N, C-alpha and C. Protein backbone atom coordinates (compact mmCIF):
# COMPACT_ATOMS: atom_id res chain seq x y z
N MET A 1 0.84 -1.17 0.00
CA MET A 1 0.00 0.00 0.00
C MET A 1 0.90 1.24 0.00
N LYS A 2 0.60 2.17 -0.88
CA LYS A 2 1.41 3.38 -1.02
C LYS A 2 0.88 4.47 -0.08
N ARG A 3 1.79 5.13 0.64
CA ARG A 3 1.39 6.19 1.56
C ARG A 3 1.55 7.54 0.89
N PHE A 4 0.87 8.55 1.47
CA PHE A 4 1.01 9.90 0.95
C PHE A 4 2.42 10.38 1.19
N GLY A 5 3.01 11.00 0.20
CA GLY A 5 4.34 11.58 0.34
C GLY A 5 4.24 12.93 1.05
N THR A 6 5.38 13.50 1.36
CA THR A 6 5.40 14.79 2.06
C THR A 6 4.92 15.92 1.16
N LYS A 7 4.94 15.69 -0.18
CA LYS A 7 4.46 16.73 -1.10
C LYS A 7 2.95 16.89 -1.02
N ALA A 8 2.24 15.87 -0.63
CA ALA A 8 0.78 15.94 -0.55
C ALA A 8 0.30 16.63 0.72
N LEU A 9 1.13 16.72 1.72
CA LEU A 9 0.72 17.29 2.99
C LEU A 9 0.34 18.78 2.91
N PRO A 10 1.16 19.67 2.32
CA PRO A 10 0.77 21.09 2.27
C PRO A 10 -0.57 21.35 1.59
N PRO A 11 -0.87 20.73 0.43
CA PRO A 11 -2.20 20.98 -0.16
C PRO A 11 -3.35 20.47 0.73
N LEU A 12 -3.14 19.35 1.42
CA LEU A 12 -4.18 18.84 2.31
C LEU A 12 -4.42 19.80 3.48
N VAL A 13 -3.34 20.34 4.04
CA VAL A 13 -3.47 21.30 5.14
C VAL A 13 -4.19 22.55 4.64
N LEU A 14 -3.83 23.03 3.46
CA LEU A 14 -4.48 24.20 2.88
C LEU A 14 -5.97 23.96 2.69
N MET A 15 -6.34 22.79 2.17
CA MET A 15 -7.75 22.48 1.98
C MET A 15 -8.48 22.42 3.31
N LEU A 16 -7.87 21.89 4.35
CA LEU A 16 -8.48 21.82 5.67
C LEU A 16 -8.72 23.22 6.22
N VAL A 17 -7.72 24.07 6.11
CA VAL A 17 -7.85 25.45 6.59
C VAL A 17 -8.96 26.18 5.84
N MET A 18 -9.01 26.01 4.52
CA MET A 18 -10.04 26.67 3.72
C MET A 18 -11.43 26.17 4.11
N THR A 19 -11.57 24.89 4.35
CA THR A 19 -12.85 24.32 4.74
C THR A 19 -13.30 24.87 6.08
N ILE A 20 -12.40 24.94 7.03
CA ILE A 20 -12.75 25.47 8.35
C ILE A 20 -13.15 26.94 8.24
N SER A 21 -12.43 27.73 7.43
CA SER A 21 -12.77 29.14 7.31
C SER A 21 -14.11 29.32 6.62
N LEU A 22 -14.49 28.43 5.72
CA LEU A 22 -15.79 28.52 5.08
C LEU A 22 -16.91 28.13 6.03
N MET A 23 -16.62 27.24 6.96
CA MET A 23 -17.63 26.79 7.90
C MET A 23 -17.88 27.83 8.98
N GLU A 24 -16.91 28.71 9.28
CA GLU A 24 -17.04 29.68 10.33
C GLU A 24 -16.81 31.10 9.80
N PRO A 25 -17.70 31.59 8.91
CA PRO A 25 -17.48 32.90 8.35
C PRO A 25 -17.62 34.02 9.37
N GLY A 26 -18.36 33.84 10.43
CA GLY A 26 -18.56 34.87 11.44
C GLY A 26 -17.28 35.26 12.15
N LYS A 27 -16.39 34.31 12.31
CA LYS A 27 -15.14 34.61 13.02
C LYS A 27 -14.28 35.57 12.20
N ALA A 28 -14.22 35.37 10.91
CA ALA A 28 -13.41 36.26 10.08
C ALA A 28 -14.04 37.65 10.03
N ALA A 29 -15.36 37.73 9.98
CA ALA A 29 -16.05 39.01 9.89
C ALA A 29 -16.01 39.77 11.21
N ALA A 30 -15.76 39.09 12.30
CA ALA A 30 -15.80 39.73 13.61
C ALA A 30 -14.47 40.38 14.00
N SER A 31 -13.48 40.35 13.12
CA SER A 31 -12.21 40.95 13.47
C SER A 31 -12.15 42.39 12.96
N CYS A 32 -11.32 43.19 13.61
CA CYS A 32 -11.17 44.59 13.24
C CYS A 32 -10.07 44.72 12.19
N PRO A 33 -10.39 45.27 11.02
CA PRO A 33 -9.36 45.41 9.99
C PRO A 33 -8.41 46.58 10.24
N SER A 34 -8.74 47.45 11.19
CA SER A 34 -7.91 48.62 11.48
C SER A 34 -6.92 48.34 12.60
N THR A 35 -5.83 49.08 12.61
CA THR A 35 -4.92 49.02 13.74
C THR A 35 -5.53 49.80 14.90
N PHE A 36 -5.01 49.62 16.08
CA PHE A 36 -5.50 50.34 17.24
C PHE A 36 -5.44 51.84 16.99
N PHE A 37 -4.29 52.32 16.51
CA PHE A 37 -4.12 53.75 16.28
C PHE A 37 -5.06 54.27 15.21
N SER A 38 -5.22 53.52 14.12
CA SER A 38 -6.11 53.93 13.03
C SER A 38 -7.56 54.02 13.51
N ALA A 39 -7.98 53.05 14.30
CA ALA A 39 -9.35 53.06 14.85
C ALA A 39 -9.53 54.26 15.77
N LEU A 40 -8.51 54.56 16.57
CA LEU A 40 -8.57 55.71 17.47
C LEU A 40 -8.70 57.01 16.70
N VAL A 41 -7.94 57.14 15.62
CA VAL A 41 -8.00 58.35 14.79
C VAL A 41 -9.37 58.50 14.15
N GLN A 42 -9.98 57.39 13.72
CA GLN A 42 -11.30 57.44 13.11
C GLN A 42 -12.35 57.97 14.08
N LEU A 43 -12.14 57.75 15.37
CA LEU A 43 -13.14 58.18 16.36
C LEU A 43 -12.81 59.54 16.99
N ILE A 44 -11.93 60.31 16.38
CA ILE A 44 -11.64 61.65 16.90
C ILE A 44 -12.90 62.50 17.00
N PRO A 45 -13.86 62.41 16.07
CA PRO A 45 -15.09 63.21 16.22
C PRO A 45 -15.87 62.90 17.51
N CYS A 46 -15.56 61.78 18.15
CA CYS A 46 -16.27 61.39 19.38
C CYS A 46 -15.57 61.86 20.65
N ARG A 47 -14.47 62.57 20.50
CA ARG A 47 -13.65 62.96 21.65
C ARG A 47 -14.47 63.64 22.74
N ALA A 48 -15.31 64.61 22.38
CA ALA A 48 -16.09 65.33 23.40
C ALA A 48 -17.12 64.44 24.08
N ALA A 49 -17.67 63.48 23.36
CA ALA A 49 -18.71 62.61 23.92
C ALA A 49 -18.17 61.53 24.84
N VAL A 50 -16.87 61.25 24.78
CA VAL A 50 -16.30 60.19 25.62
C VAL A 50 -15.35 60.73 26.68
N ALA A 51 -15.30 62.05 26.80
CA ALA A 51 -14.47 62.65 27.84
C ALA A 51 -15.08 62.35 29.20
N PRO A 52 -14.25 62.14 30.21
CA PRO A 52 -14.80 61.85 31.54
C PRO A 52 -15.78 62.93 32.00
N PHE A 53 -16.91 62.51 32.51
CA PHE A 53 -17.97 63.39 33.03
C PHE A 53 -18.57 64.30 31.96
N SER A 54 -18.49 63.90 30.70
CA SER A 54 -19.01 64.73 29.62
C SER A 54 -20.53 64.65 29.54
N PRO A 55 -21.19 65.82 29.56
CA PRO A 55 -22.64 65.82 29.40
C PRO A 55 -23.05 65.91 27.92
N LEU A 56 -22.07 65.99 27.02
CA LEU A 56 -22.37 66.19 25.61
C LEU A 56 -22.77 64.89 24.92
N PRO A 57 -23.86 64.94 24.16
CA PRO A 57 -24.22 63.74 23.38
C PRO A 57 -23.28 63.64 22.17
N PRO A 58 -23.15 62.46 21.60
CA PRO A 58 -22.30 62.33 20.41
C PRO A 58 -22.88 63.11 19.24
N SER A 59 -22.00 63.72 18.47
CA SER A 59 -22.42 64.48 17.30
C SER A 59 -22.77 63.52 16.15
N ASP A 60 -23.37 64.07 15.10
CA ASP A 60 -23.65 63.25 13.92
C ASP A 60 -22.36 62.72 13.32
N ALA A 61 -21.32 63.56 13.33
CA ALA A 61 -20.02 63.12 12.79
C ALA A 61 -19.47 61.96 13.61
N CYS A 62 -19.65 62.02 14.92
CA CYS A 62 -19.20 60.93 15.80
C CYS A 62 -19.96 59.66 15.47
N CYS A 63 -21.27 59.75 15.39
CA CYS A 63 -22.08 58.55 15.13
C CYS A 63 -21.77 57.95 13.76
N ASN A 64 -21.56 58.80 12.77
CA ASN A 64 -21.20 58.29 11.44
C ASN A 64 -19.85 57.58 11.48
N ALA A 65 -18.89 58.17 12.22
CA ALA A 65 -17.57 57.56 12.35
C ALA A 65 -17.67 56.22 13.08
N LEU A 66 -18.46 56.19 14.13
CA LEU A 66 -18.64 54.95 14.90
C LEU A 66 -19.24 53.85 14.04
N LYS A 67 -20.27 54.18 13.29
CA LYS A 67 -20.93 53.18 12.44
C LYS A 67 -20.00 52.70 11.34
N ALA A 68 -19.17 53.61 10.81
CA ALA A 68 -18.21 53.22 9.77
C ALA A 68 -17.11 52.33 10.35
N LEU A 69 -16.72 52.62 11.57
CA LEU A 69 -15.66 51.85 12.23
C LEU A 69 -16.13 50.44 12.54
N GLY A 70 -17.31 50.32 13.12
CA GLY A 70 -17.87 49.00 13.43
C GLY A 70 -17.61 48.52 14.84
N GLN A 71 -18.42 47.58 15.26
CA GLN A 71 -18.36 47.05 16.62
C GLN A 71 -17.04 46.37 16.95
N PRO A 72 -16.47 45.54 16.06
CA PRO A 72 -15.21 44.88 16.43
C PRO A 72 -14.09 45.87 16.76
N CYS A 73 -14.01 46.96 15.99
CA CYS A 73 -12.94 47.93 16.23
C CYS A 73 -13.21 48.75 17.50
N LEU A 74 -14.49 49.04 17.79
CA LEU A 74 -14.80 49.72 19.04
C LEU A 74 -14.37 48.84 20.22
N CYS A 75 -14.62 47.56 20.12
CA CYS A 75 -14.23 46.64 21.20
C CYS A 75 -12.71 46.56 21.34
N VAL A 76 -11.99 46.63 20.23
CA VAL A 76 -10.53 46.65 20.30
C VAL A 76 -10.07 47.88 21.07
N LEU A 77 -10.68 49.03 20.79
CA LEU A 77 -10.31 50.26 21.49
C LEU A 77 -10.65 50.18 22.98
N VAL A 78 -11.83 49.69 23.29
CA VAL A 78 -12.28 49.63 24.67
C VAL A 78 -11.42 48.65 25.48
N ASN A 79 -10.96 47.59 24.84
CA ASN A 79 -10.15 46.59 25.53
C ASN A 79 -8.65 46.84 25.41
N GLY A 80 -8.28 47.88 24.69
CA GLY A 80 -6.87 48.19 24.49
C GLY A 80 -6.28 48.94 25.68
N PRO A 81 -5.10 49.48 25.47
CA PRO A 81 -4.46 50.23 26.56
C PRO A 81 -5.26 51.47 26.91
N PRO A 82 -5.08 52.00 28.12
CA PRO A 82 -5.82 53.21 28.52
C PRO A 82 -5.53 54.36 27.55
N ILE A 83 -6.57 55.14 27.28
CA ILE A 83 -6.45 56.29 26.39
C ILE A 83 -6.71 57.54 27.22
N SER A 84 -5.75 58.42 27.27
CA SER A 84 -5.87 59.64 28.06
C SER A 84 -7.07 60.46 27.60
N GLY A 85 -7.91 60.86 28.56
CA GLY A 85 -9.06 61.69 28.25
C GLY A 85 -10.27 60.94 27.73
N VAL A 86 -10.23 59.62 27.79
CA VAL A 86 -11.35 58.80 27.31
C VAL A 86 -11.88 57.95 28.45
N ASP A 87 -13.17 58.09 28.71
CA ASP A 87 -13.85 57.27 29.71
C ASP A 87 -14.39 56.04 28.97
N ARG A 88 -13.86 54.88 29.30
CA ARG A 88 -14.28 53.64 28.61
C ARG A 88 -15.77 53.38 28.73
N ASN A 89 -16.36 53.70 29.88
CA ASN A 89 -17.79 53.49 30.05
C ASN A 89 -18.59 54.39 29.10
N MET A 90 -18.11 55.61 28.91
CA MET A 90 -18.78 56.52 27.96
C MET A 90 -18.63 55.97 26.54
N ALA A 91 -17.46 55.43 26.22
CA ALA A 91 -17.24 54.86 24.89
C ALA A 91 -18.15 53.66 24.65
N LEU A 92 -18.37 52.86 25.69
CA LEU A 92 -19.26 51.71 25.56
C LEU A 92 -20.71 52.11 25.34
N GLN A 93 -21.07 53.33 25.73
CA GLN A 93 -22.44 53.82 25.55
C GLN A 93 -22.68 54.43 24.17
N LEU A 94 -21.62 54.67 23.42
CA LEU A 94 -21.76 55.30 22.11
C LEU A 94 -22.72 54.56 21.17
N PRO A 95 -22.62 53.23 21.02
CA PRO A 95 -23.54 52.56 20.09
C PRO A 95 -25.01 52.81 20.43
N GLU A 96 -25.35 52.78 21.70
CA GLU A 96 -26.74 53.03 22.09
C GLU A 96 -27.13 54.48 21.79
N LYS A 97 -26.25 55.41 22.14
CA LYS A 97 -26.55 56.83 21.91
C LYS A 97 -26.61 57.18 20.43
N CYS A 98 -25.88 56.43 19.62
CA CYS A 98 -25.86 56.67 18.17
C CYS A 98 -26.83 55.77 17.42
N THR A 99 -27.62 55.02 18.12
CA THR A 99 -28.55 54.04 17.56
C THR A 99 -27.86 53.11 16.55
N ALA A 100 -26.65 52.68 16.90
CA ALA A 100 -25.93 51.69 16.10
C ALA A 100 -26.30 50.32 16.65
N ASN A 101 -26.67 49.44 15.80
CA ASN A 101 -27.11 48.11 16.22
C ASN A 101 -25.90 47.20 16.41
N PHE A 102 -25.13 47.47 17.48
CA PHE A 102 -23.92 46.69 17.77
C PHE A 102 -24.19 45.74 18.92
N GLU A 103 -23.53 44.59 18.86
CA GLU A 103 -23.53 43.68 20.00
C GLU A 103 -22.66 44.31 21.09
N PRO A 104 -22.94 44.06 22.35
CA PRO A 104 -22.07 44.60 23.41
C PRO A 104 -20.67 44.01 23.32
N CYS A 105 -19.69 44.82 23.70
CA CYS A 105 -18.30 44.36 23.71
C CYS A 105 -18.06 43.45 24.90
N GLN A 106 -17.25 42.43 24.68
CA GLN A 106 -16.79 41.59 25.78
C GLN A 106 -15.62 42.34 26.42
N ILE A 107 -15.73 42.70 27.66
CA ILE A 107 -14.68 43.43 28.33
C ILE A 107 -13.64 42.44 28.85
N MET A 108 -12.40 42.63 28.40
CA MET A 108 -11.28 41.78 28.83
C MET A 108 -10.60 42.46 30.01
N LYS A 109 -10.38 41.73 31.07
CA LYS A 109 -9.69 42.31 32.22
C LYS A 109 -8.47 41.55 32.56
């Protein structure tokens, strides 16, 4: 009986990986395509709405930026290193205040 040679192994592994990625499309879609810094820059219009003790509601520009950025990137920011002048709890409230239909972020501690 002839066994598979080592040349057959890489294509088999590739096919397995492709099959798994096709079976779980949600995992690939749930990642943030932006870097931490890029996501932070995109949310500059929200600076006033996420400042500690800020009574200001998010502006239209903030809400548009938030919706364009998406929930995965917001969660990356919220779970990332501390950001000076940003209240994480206020940032977590942005989707509700902007009527963005986002799932809640899983807070990593």
